């Protein structure tokens, strides 16, 4: 584990990522109970996994994590054009 100059342990942080994912999974935000995969445009639904929320895998017939409803929602309109109707018209928000 990396250590600060005074000997304290410091967290291991991955490098900051910006721009297109190029096939990588979306950013993961979790607290041990709820896990979210947040897309580049955060108001578009991503994936949500909740601890204890499970279902049957359709092919293997075993218990597996099941996607839960995405808890973040919203829609924005500019000049009567809604984000939900034209998601490709939005450029990077970063």
PDB file of N, CA and C in Angstrom:
ATOM      1  N   UNK A   1       0.842  -1.172   0.000  1.00  0.00           N
ATOM      2  CA  UNK A   1       0.000   0.000   0.000  1.00  0.00           C
ATOM      3  C   UNK A   1       0.889   1.237   0.000  1.00  0.00           C
ATOM      4  N   UNK A   2       0.573   2.234  -0.837  1.00  0.00           N
ATOM      5  CA  UNK A   2       1.363   3.465  -0.856  1.00  0.00           C
ATOM      6  C   UNK A   2       1.273   4.202   0.478  1.00  0.00           C
ATOM      7  N   UNK A   3       2.330   4.912   0.804  1.00  0.00           N
ATOM      8  CA  UNK A   3       2.366   5.637   2.079  1.00  0.00           C
ATOM      9  C   UNK A   3       2.723   7.103   1.833  1.00  0.00           C
ATOM     10  N   UNK A   4       2.129   7.963   2.643  1.00  0.00           N
ATOM     11  CA  UNK A   4       2.446   9.391   2.603  1.00  0.00           C
ATOM     12  C   UNK A   4       3.810   9.607   3.253  1.00  0.00           C
ATOM     13  N   UNK A   5       4.353  10.809   3.133  1.00  0.00           N
ATOM     14  CA  UNK A   5       5.682  11.094   3.689  1.00  0.00           C
ATOM     15  C   UNK A   5       5.733  10.922   5.206  1.00  0.00           C
ATOM     16  N   UNK A   6       4.587  11.039   5.884  1.00  0.00           N
ATOM     17  CA  UNK A   6       4.576  10.856   7.340  1.00  0.00           C
ATOM     18  C   UNK A   6       4.280   9.415   7.746  1.00  0.00           C
ATOM     19  N   UNK A   7       4.228   8.487   6.783  1.00  0.00           N
ATOM     20  CA  UNK A   7       4.043   7.073   7.080  1.00  0.00           C
ATOM     21  C   UNK A   7       2.608   6.578   7.032  1.00  0.00           C
ATOM     22  N   UNK A   8       1.636   7.497   6.881  1.00  0.00           N
ATOM     23  CA  UNK A   8       0.236   7.062   6.810  1.00  0.00           C
ATOM     24  C   UNK A   8      -0.038   6.382   5.473  1.00  0.00           C
ATOM     25  N   UNK A   9      -0.917   5.382   5.521  1.00  0.00           N
ATOM     26  CA  UNK A   9      -1.325   4.716   4.287  1.00  0.00           C
ATOM     27  C   UNK A   9      -2.199   5.665   3.473  1.00  0.00           C
ATOM     28  N   UNK A  10      -2.031   5.647   2.163  1.00  0.00           N
ATOM     29  CA  UNK A  10      -2.854   6.473   1.276  1.00  0.00           C
ATOM     30  C   UNK A  10      -3.657   5.560   0.360  1.00  0.00           C
ATOM     31  N   UNK A  11      -4.827   6.011  -0.094  1.00  0.00           N
ATOM     32  CA  UNK A  11      -5.644   5.164  -0.965  1.00  0.00           C
ATOM     33  C   UNK A  11      -5.001   4.978  -2.336  1.00  0.00           C
ATOM     34  N   UNK A  12      -5.313   3.863  -2.952  1.00  0.00           N
ATOM     35  CA  UNK A  12      -4.857   3.596  -4.313  1.00  0.00           C
ATOM     36  C   UNK A  12      -5.946   4.117  -5.243  1.00  0.00           C
ATOM     37  N   UNK A  13      -5.650   5.132  -6.007  1.00  0.00           N
ATOM     38  CA  UNK A  13      -6.627   5.723  -6.912  1.00  0.00           C
ATOM     39  C   UNK A  13      -6.249   5.404  -8.350  1.00  0.00           C
ATOM     40  N   UNK A  14      -7.225   4.951  -9.145  1.00  0.00           N
ATOM     41  CA  UNK A  14      -6.926   4.726 -10.561  1.00  0.00           C
ATOM     42  C   UNK A  14      -6.730   6.069 -11.257  1.00  0.00           C
ATOM     43  N   UNK A  15      -6.079   6.071 -12.415  1.00  0.00           N
ATOM     44  CA  UNK A  15      -5.897   7.333 -13.130  1.00  0.00           C
ATOM     45  C   UNK A  15      -7.249   7.893 -13.576  1.00  0.00           C
ATOM     46  N   UNK A  16      -7.333   9.209 -13.636  1.00  0.00           N
ATOM     47  CA  UNK A  16      -8.558   9.866 -14.072  1.00  0.00           C
ATOM     48  C   UNK A  16      -8.820   9.523 -15.535  1.00  0.00           C
ATOM     49  N   UNK A  17     -10.069   9.263 -15.862  1.00  0.00           N
ATOM     50  CA  UNK A  17     -10.442   8.926 -17.237  1.00  0.00           C
ATOM     51  C   UNK A  17     -11.341  10.015 -17.789  1.00  0.00           C
ATOM     52  N   UNK A  18     -11.100  10.412 -19.019  1.00  0.00           N
ATOM     53  CA  UNK A  18     -11.926  11.412 -19.698  1.00  0.00           C
ATOM     54  C   UNK A  18     -12.144  10.966 -21.133  1.00  0.00           C
ATOM     55  N   UNK A  19     -13.236  11.456 -21.711  1.00  0.00           N
ATOM     56  CA  UNK A  19     -13.505  11.177 -23.107  1.00  0.00           C
ATOM     57  C   UNK A  19     -14.208   9.853 -23.320  1.00  0.00           C
ATOM     58  N   UNK A  20     -14.259   9.394 -24.572  1.00  0.00           N
ATOM     59  CA  UNK A  20     -14.977   8.159 -24.886  1.00  0.00           C
ATOM     60  C   UNK A  20     -14.364   6.954 -24.187  1.00  0.00           C
ATOM     61  N   UNK A  21     -15.195   5.966 -23.909  1.00  0.00           N
ATOM     62  CA  UNK A  21     -14.750   4.786 -23.162  1.00  0.00           C
ATOM     63  C   UNK A  21     -14.018   3.775 -24.027  1.00  0.00           C
ATOM     64  N   UNK A  22     -14.203   3.805 -25.335  1.00  0.00           N
ATOM     65  CA  UNK A  22     -13.550   2.854 -26.247  1.00  0.00           C
ATOM     66  C   UNK A  22     -13.780   1.406 -25.831  1.00  0.00           C
ATOM     67  N   UNK A  23     -15.025   1.068 -25.494  1.00  0.00           N
ATOM     68  CA  UNK A  23     -15.357  -0.309 -25.136  1.00  0.00           C
ATOM     69  C   UNK A  23     -15.275  -0.621 -23.660  1.00  0.00           C
ATOM     70  N   UNK A  24     -14.702   0.269 -22.847  1.00  0.00           N
ATOM     71  CA  UNK A  24     -14.650   0.036 -21.402  1.00  0.00           C
ATOM     72  C   UNK A  24     -16.037   0.198 -20.797  1.00  0.00           C
ATOM     73  N   UNK A  25     -16.234  -0.391 -19.621  1.00  0.00           N
ATOM     74  CA  UNK A  25     -17.497  -0.224 -18.914  1.00  0.00           C
ATOM     75  C   UNK A  25     -17.639   1.216 -18.434  1.00  0.00           C
ATOM     76  N   UNK A  26     -18.890   1.690 -18.268  1.00  0.00           N
ATOM     77  CA  UNK A  26     -19.077   3.038 -17.716  1.00  0.00           C
ATOM     78  C   UNK A  26     -18.531   3.128 -16.295  1.00  0.00           C
ATOM     79  N   UNK A  27     -18.363   4.344 -15.823  1.00  0.00           N
ATOM     80  CA  UNK A  27     -17.870   4.567 -14.461  1.00  0.00           C
ATOM     81  C   UNK A  27     -18.753   3.841 -13.459  1.00  0.00           C
ATOM     82  N   UNK A  28     -18.132   3.281 -12.420  1.00  0.00           N
ATOM     83  CA  UNK A  28     -18.862   2.563 -11.375  1.00  0.00           C
ATOM     84  C   UNK A  28     -18.802   3.376 -10.091  1.00  0.00           C
ATOM     85  N   UNK A  29     -19.958   3.617  -9.512  1.00  0.00           N
ATOM     86  CA  UNK A  29     -20.052   4.318  -8.237  1.00  0.00           C
ATOM     87  C   UNK A  29     -20.806   3.399  -7.298  1.00  0.00           C
ATOM     88  N   UNK A  30     -20.231   3.060  -6.157  1.00  0.00           N
ATOM     89  CA  UNK A  30     -20.903   2.153  -5.236  1.00  0.00           C
ATOM     90  C   UNK A  30     -20.526   2.425  -3.796  1.00  0.00           C
ATOM     91  N   UNK A  31     -21.393   1.956  -2.900  1.00  0.00           N
ATOM     92  CA  UNK A  31     -21.128   2.122  -1.475  1.00  0.00           C
ATOM     93  C   UNK A  31     -21.259   0.808  -0.713  1.00  0.00           C
ATOM     94  N   UNK A  32     -21.304  -0.315  -1.405  1.00  0.00           N
ATOM     95  CA  UNK A  32     -21.460  -1.609  -0.762  1.00  0.00           C
ATOM     96  C   UNK A  32     -22.898  -2.077  -0.732  1.00  0.00           C
ATOM     97  N   UNK A  33     -23.829  -1.170  -0.864  1.00  0.00           N
ATOM     98  CA  UNK A  33     -25.244  -1.521  -0.893  1.00  0.00           C
ATOM     99  C   UNK A  33     -25.820  -1.324  -2.290  1.00  0.00           C
ATOM    100  N   UNK A  34     -25.510  -0.180  -2.891  1.00  0.00           N
ATOM    101  CA  UNK A  34     -26.003   0.145  -4.225  1.00  0.00           C
ATOM    102  C   UNK A  34     -24.803   0.399  -5.129  1.00  0.00           C
ATOM    103  N   UNK A  35     -24.829  -0.160  -6.333  1.00  0.00           N
ATOM    104  CA  UNK A  35     -23.788   0.082  -7.318  1.00  0.00           C
ATOM    105  C   UNK A  35     -24.405   0.639  -8.581  1.00  0.00           C
ATOM    106  N   UNK A  36     -23.840   1.714  -9.109  1.00  0.00           N
ATOM    107  CA  UNK A  36     -24.349   2.351 -10.319  1.00  0.00           C
ATOM    108  C   UNK A  36     -23.274   2.379 -11.387  1.00  0.00           C
ATOM    109  N   UNK A  37     -23.667   2.111 -12.621  1.00  0.00           N
ATOM    110  CA  UNK A  37     -22.815   2.340 -13.786  1.00  0.00           C
ATOM    111  C   UNK A  37     -23.379   3.587 -14.452  1.00  0.00           C
ATOM    112  N   UNK A  38     -22.646   4.696 -14.332  1.00  0.00           N
ATOM    113  CA  UNK A  38     -23.121   5.990 -14.810  1.00  0.00           C
ATOM    114  C   UNK A  38     -22.554   6.244 -16.198  1.00  0.00           C
ATOM    115  N   UNK A  39     -23.407   6.602 -17.130  1.00  0.00           N
ATOM    116  CA  UNK A  39     -22.980   6.849 -18.511  1.00  0.00           C
ATOM    117  C   UNK A  39     -22.394   8.250 -18.678  1.00  0.00           C
ATOM    118  N   UNK A  40     -21.874   8.524 -19.873  1.00  0.00           N
ATOM    119  CA  UNK A  40     -21.294   9.836 -20.159  1.00  0.00           C
ATOM    120  C   UNK A  40     -22.324  10.940 -19.974  1.00  0.00           C
ATOM    121  N   UNK A  41     -23.558  10.673 -20.342  1.00  0.00           N
ATOM    122  CA  UNK A  41     -24.661  11.600 -20.111  1.00  0.00           C
ATOM    123  C   UNK A  41     -25.435  11.054 -18.914  1.00  0.00           C
ATOM    124  N   UNK A  42     -25.197  11.569 -17.723  1.00  0.00           N
ATOM    125  CA  UNK A  42     -25.732  10.966 -16.501  1.00  0.00           C
ATOM    126  C   UNK A  42     -27.248  10.841 -16.445  1.00  0.00           C
ATOM    127  N   UNK A  43     -27.987  11.631 -17.216  1.00  0.00           N
ATOM    128  CA  UNK A  43     -29.444  11.528 -17.169  1.00  0.00           C
ATOM    129  C   UNK A  43     -29.980  10.366 -17.997  1.00  0.00           C
ATOM    130  N   UNK A  44     -29.142   9.738 -18.811  1.00  0.00           N
ATOM    131  CA  UNK A  44     -29.579   8.538 -19.524  1.00  0.00           C
ATOM    132  C   UNK A  44     -29.461   7.352 -18.581  1.00  0.00           C
ATOM    133  N   UNK A  45     -30.444   6.458 -18.592  1.00  0.00           N
ATOM    134  CA  UNK A  45     -30.384   5.312 -17.670  1.00  0.00           C
ATOM    135  C   UNK A  45     -29.120   4.488 -17.864  1.00  0.00           C
ATOM    136  N   UNK A  46     -28.532   4.112 -16.756  1.00  0.00           N
ATOM    137  CA  UNK A  46     -27.382   3.225 -16.749  1.00  0.00           C
ATOM    138  C   UNK A  46     -27.791   1.913 -16.108  1.00  0.00           C
ATOM    139  N   UNK A  47     -26.895   1.313 -15.352  1.00  0.00           N
ATOM    140  CA  UNK A  47     -27.194   0.054 -14.677  1.00  0.00           C
ATOM    141  C   UNK A  47     -27.141   0.276 -13.181  1.00  0.00           C
ATOM    142  N   UNK A  48     -28.056  -0.370 -12.459  1.00  0.00           N
ATOM    143  CA  UNK A  48     -28.094  -0.297 -11.004  1.00  0.00           C
ATOM    144  C   UNK A  48     -28.175  -1.713 -10.448  1.00  0.00           C
ATOM    145  N   UNK A  49     -27.297  -2.036  -9.512  1.00  0.00           N
ATOM    146  CA  UNK A  49     -27.321  -3.318  -8.802  1.00  0.00           C
ATOM    147  C   UNK A  49     -27.474  -3.004  -7.319  1.00  0.00           C
ATOM    148  N   UNK A  50     -28.418  -3.674  -6.657  1.00  0.00           N
ATOM    149  CA  UNK A  50     -28.674  -3.449  -5.237  1.00  0.00           C
ATOM    150  C   UNK A  50     -28.366  -4.736  -4.486  1.00  0.00           C
ATOM    151  N   UNK A  51     -27.628  -4.618  -3.381  1.00  0.00           N
ATOM    152  CA  UNK A  51     -27.292  -5.779  -2.562  1.00  0.00           C
ATOM    153  C   UNK A  51     -28.566  -6.492  -2.115  1.00  0.00           C
ATOM    154  N   UNK A  52     -28.634  -7.789  -2.342  1.00  0.00           N
ATOM    155  CA  UNK A  52     -29.789  -8.582  -1.941  1.00  0.00           C
ATOM    156  C   UNK A  52     -30.881  -8.661  -2.992  1.00  0.00           C
ATOM    157  N   UNK A  53     -30.805  -7.853  -4.045  1.00  0.00           N
ATOM    158  CA  UNK A  53     -31.803  -7.880  -5.115  1.00  0.00           C
ATOM    159  C   UNK A  53     -31.298  -8.863  -6.167  1.00  0.00           C
ATOM    160  N   UNK A  54     -31.920 -10.027  -6.240  1.00  0.00           N
ATOM    161  CA  UNK A  54     -31.414 -11.099  -7.105  1.00  0.00           C
ATOM    162  C   UNK A  54     -32.545 -11.699  -7.923  1.00  0.00           C
ATOM    163  N   UNK A  55     -32.157 -12.430  -8.938  1.00  0.00           N
ATOM    164  CA  UNK A  55     -33.107 -13.134  -9.787  1.00  0.00           C
ATOM    165  C   UNK A  55     -32.438 -14.367 -10.360  1.00  0.00           C
ATOM    166  N   UNK A  56     -33.165 -15.100 -11.175  1.00  0.00           N
ATOM    167  CA  UNK A  56     -32.639 -16.325 -11.769  1.00  0.00           C
ATOM    168  C   UNK A  56     -31.997 -16.016 -13.114  1.00  0.00           C
ATOM    169  N   UNK A  57     -30.775 -16.505 -13.308  1.00  0.00           N
ATOM    170  CA  UNK A  57     -30.085 -16.337 -14.582  1.00  0.00           C
ATOM    171  C   UNK A  57     -30.872 -17.104 -15.636  1.00  0.00           C
ATOM    172  N   UNK A  58     -31.195 -16.465 -16.774  1.00  0.00           N
ATOM    173  CA  UNK A  58     -32.065 -17.112 -17.761  1.00  0.00           C
ATOM    174  C   UNK A  58     -31.484 -18.365 -18.416  1.00  0.00           C
ATOM    175  N   UNK A  59     -30.163 -18.469 -18.518  1.00  0.00           N
ATOM    176  CA  UNK A  59     -29.559 -19.633 -19.170  1.00  0.00           C
ATOM    177  C   UNK A  59     -29.040 -20.658 -18.169  1.00  0.00           C
ATOM    178  N   UNK A  60     -28.367 -20.187 -17.134  1.00  0.00           N
ATOM    179  CA  UNK A  60     -27.737 -21.114 -16.184  1.00  0.00           C
ATOM    180  C   UNK A  60     -28.670 -21.553 -15.067  1.00  0.00           C
ATOM    181  N   UNK A  61     -29.795 -20.875 -14.917  1.00  0.00           N
ATOM    182  CA  UNK A  61     -30.819 -21.237 -13.924  1.00  0.00           C
ATOM    183  C   UNK A  61     -30.276 -21.223 -12.498  1.00  0.00           C
ATOM    184  N   UNK A  62     -29.418 -20.263 -12.180  1.00  0.00           N
ATOM    185  CA  UNK A  62     -28.895 -20.089 -10.828  1.00  0.00           C
ATOM    186  C   UNK A  62     -29.216 -18.660 -10.377  1.00  0.00           C
ATOM    187  N   UNK A  63     -29.151 -18.427  -9.067  1.00  0.00           N
ATOM    188  CA  UNK A  63     -29.389 -17.075  -8.560  1.00  0.00           C
ATOM    189  C   UNK A  63     -28.257 -16.156  -8.993  1.00  0.00           C
ATOM    190  N   UNK A  64     -28.608 -14.970  -9.449  1.00  0.00           N
ATOM    191  CA  UNK A  64     -27.614 -14.006  -9.921  1.00  0.00           C
ATOM    192  C   UNK A  64     -28.085 -12.595  -9.589  1.00  0.00           C
ATOM    193  N   UNK A  65     -27.155 -11.654  -9.605  1.00  0.00           N
ATOM    194  CA  UNK A  65     -27.524 -10.253  -9.399  1.00  0.00           C
ATOM    195  C   UNK A  65     -28.477  -9.828 -10.509  1.00  0.00           C
ATOM    196  N   UNK A  66     -29.507  -9.112 -10.138  1.00  0.00           N
ATOM    197  CA  UNK A  66     -30.495  -8.653 -11.111  1.00  0.00           C
ATOM    198  C   UNK A  66     -30.449  -7.128 -11.186  1.00  0.00           C
ATOM    199  N   UNK A  67     -30.568  -6.581 -12.384  1.00  0.00           N
ATOM    200  CA  UNK A  67     -30.591  -5.121 -12.493  1.00  0.00           C
ATOM    201  C   UNK A  67     -31.817  -4.555 -11.779  1.00  0.00           C
ATOM    202  N   UNK A  68     -31.612  -3.482 -11.051  1.00  0.00           N
ATOM    203  CA  UNK A  68     -32.705  -2.785 -10.368  1.00  0.00           C
ATOM    204  C   UNK A  68     -33.041  -1.522 -11.162  1.00  0.00           C
ATOM    205  N   UNK A  69     -34.189  -0.926 -10.900  1.00  0.00           N
ATOM    206  CA  UNK A  69     -34.515   0.334 -11.595  1.00  0.00           C
ATOM    207  C   UNK A  69     -33.454   1.400 -11.322  1.00  0.00           C
ATOM    208  N   UNK A  70     -33.059   2.112 -12.352  1.00  0.00           N
ATOM    209  CA  UNK A  70     -32.038   3.155 -12.225  1.00  0.00           C
ATOM    210  C   UNK A  70     -32.620   4.325 -11.433  1.00  0.00           C
ATOM    211  N   UNK A  71     -31.968   4.746 -10.343  1.00  0.00           N
ATOM    212  CA  UNK A  71     -32.587   5.728  -9.448  1.00  0.00           C
ATOM    213  C   UNK A  71     -32.464   7.192  -9.873  1.00  0.00           C
ATOM    214  N   UNK A  72     -31.705   7.474 -10.916  1.00  0.00           N
ATOM    215  CA  UNK A  72     -31.528   8.856 -11.351  1.00  0.00           C
ATOM    216  C   UNK A  72     -32.277   9.047 -12.660  1.00  0.00           C
ATOM    217  N   UNK A  73     -33.123  10.054 -12.719  1.00  0.00           N
ATOM    218  CA  UNK A  73     -33.880  10.297 -13.941  1.00  0.00           C
ATOM    219  C   UNK A  73     -34.039  11.797 -14.142  1.00  0.00           C
ATOM    220  N   UNK A  74     -34.170  12.175 -15.365  1.00  0.00           N
ATOM    221  CA  UNK A  74     -34.392  13.577 -15.682  1.00  0.00           C
ATOM    222  C   UNK A  74     -34.418  13.757 -17.185  1.00  0.00           C
ATOM    223  N   UNK A  75     -34.920  14.871 -17.617  1.00  0.00           N
ATOM    224  CA  UNK A  75     -34.963  15.180 -19.038  1.00  0.00           C
ATOM    225  C   UNK A  75     -34.803  16.690 -19.184  1.00  0.00           C
ATOM    226  N   UNK A  76     -34.131  17.107 -20.207  1.00  0.00           N
ATOM    227  CA  UNK A  76     -33.860  18.523 -20.445  1.00  0.00           C
ATOM    228  C   UNK A  76     -34.327  18.860 -21.850  1.00  0.00           C
ATOM    229  N   UNK A  77     -34.921  20.040 -22.006  1.00  0.00           N
ATOM    230  CA  UNK A  77     -35.347  20.498 -23.327  1.00  0.00           C
ATOM    231  C   UNK A  77     -34.703  21.840 -23.640  1.00  0.00           C
ATOM    232  N   UNK A  78     -34.218  21.978 -24.866  1.00  0.00           N
ATOM    233  CA  UNK A  78     -33.719  23.244 -25.388  1.00  0.00           C
ATOM    234  C   UNK A  78     -34.401  23.474 -26.721  1.00  0.00           C
ATOM    235  N   UNK A  79     -35.052  24.619 -26.865  1.00  0.00           N
ATOM    236  CA  UNK A  79     -35.772  24.940 -28.101  1.00  0.00           C
ATOM    237  C   UNK A  79     -36.736  23.827 -28.504  1.00  0.00           C
ATOM    238  N   UNK A  80     -37.451  23.297 -27.526  1.00  0.00           N
ATOM    239  CA  UNK A  80     -38.476  22.260 -27.714  1.00  0.00           C
ATOM    240  C   UNK A  80     -37.913  20.916 -28.186  1.00  0.00           C
ATOM    241  N   UNK A  81     -36.611  20.707 -28.048  1.00  0.00           N
ATOM    242  CA  UNK A  81     -35.992  19.418 -28.370  1.00  0.00           C
ATOM    243  C   UNK A  81     -35.574  18.780 -27.054  1.00  0.00           C
ATOM    244  N   UNK A  82     -36.095  17.581 -26.783  1.00  0.00           N
ATOM    245  CA  UNK A  82     -35.843  16.890 -25.520  1.00  0.00           C
ATOM    246  C   UNK A  82     -34.641  15.963 -25.637  1.00  0.00           C
ATOM    247  N   UNK A  83     -33.837  15.918 -24.567  1.00  0.00           N
ATOM    248  CA  UNK A  83     -32.675  15.031 -24.508  1.00  0.00           C
ATOM    249  C   UNK A  83     -33.084  13.582 -24.747  1.00  0.00           C
ATOM    250  N   UNK A  84     -34.209  13.159 -24.182  1.00  0.00           N
ATOM    251  CA  UNK A  84     -34.649  11.770 -24.353  1.00  0.00           C
ATOM    252  C   UNK A  84     -35.003  11.455 -25.802  1.00  0.00           C
ATOM    253  N   UNK A  85     -35.388  12.457 -26.585  1.00  0.00           N
ATOM    254  CA  UNK A  85     -35.717  12.236 -27.999  1.00  0.00           C
ATOM    255  C   UNK A  85     -34.487  12.282 -28.898  1.00  0.00           C
ATOM    256  N   UNK A  86     -33.468  13.039 -28.518  1.00  0.00           N
ATOM    257  CA  UNK A  86     -32.270  13.215 -29.344  1.00  0.00           C
ATOM    258  C   UNK A  86     -30.992  13.046 -28.519  1.00  0.00           C
ATOM    259  N   UNK A  87     -30.752  11.870 -27.911  1.00  0.00           N
ATOM    260  CA  UNK A  87     -29.561  11.722 -27.059  1.00  0.00           C
ATOM    261  C   UNK A  87     -28.245  11.900 -27.814  1.00  0.00           C
ATOM    262  N   UNK A  88     -28.229  11.622 -29.105  1.00  0.00           N
ATOM    263  CA  UNK A  88     -26.982  11.747 -29.866  1.00  0.00           C
ATOM    264  C   UNK A  88     -26.639  13.202 -30.175  1.00  0.00           C
ATOM    265  N   UNK A  89     -27.562  14.133 -29.928  1.00  0.00           N
ATOM    266  CA  UNK A  89     -27.308  15.544 -30.206  1.00  0.00           C
ATOM    267  C   UNK A  89     -26.519  16.221 -29.090  1.00  0.00           C
ATOM    268  N   UNK A  90     -26.239  15.511 -28.012  1.00  0.00           N
ATOM    269  CA  UNK A  90     -25.511  16.081 -26.875  1.00  0.00           C
ATOM    270  C   UNK A  90     -24.028  15.782 -27.031  1.00  0.00           C
ATOM    271  N   UNK A  91     -23.199  16.806 -26.841  1.00  0.00           N
ATOM    272  CA  UNK A  91     -21.754  16.587 -26.880  1.00  0.00           C
ATOM    273  C   UNK A  91     -21.265  16.274 -25.475  1.00  0.00           C
ATOM    274  N   UNK A  92     -19.979  16.030 -25.326  1.00  0.00           N
ATOM    275  CA  UNK A  92     -19.402  15.705 -24.023  1.00  0.00           C
ATOM    276  C   UNK A  92     -19.738  16.782 -23.004  1.00  0.00           C
ATOM    277  N   UNK A  93     -20.071  16.338 -21.799  1.00  0.00           N
ATOM    278  CA  UNK A  93     -20.384  17.273 -20.727  1.00  0.00           C
ATOM    279  C   UNK A  93     -19.151  17.619 -19.907  1.00  0.00           C
ATOM    280  N   UNK A  94     -18.019  16.998 -20.189  1.00  0.00           N
ATOM    281  CA  UNK A  94     -16.802  17.222 -19.409  1.00  0.00           C
ATOM    282  C   UNK A  94     -16.023  18.362 -20.005  1.00  0.00           C
TER     283      UNK A  94
END
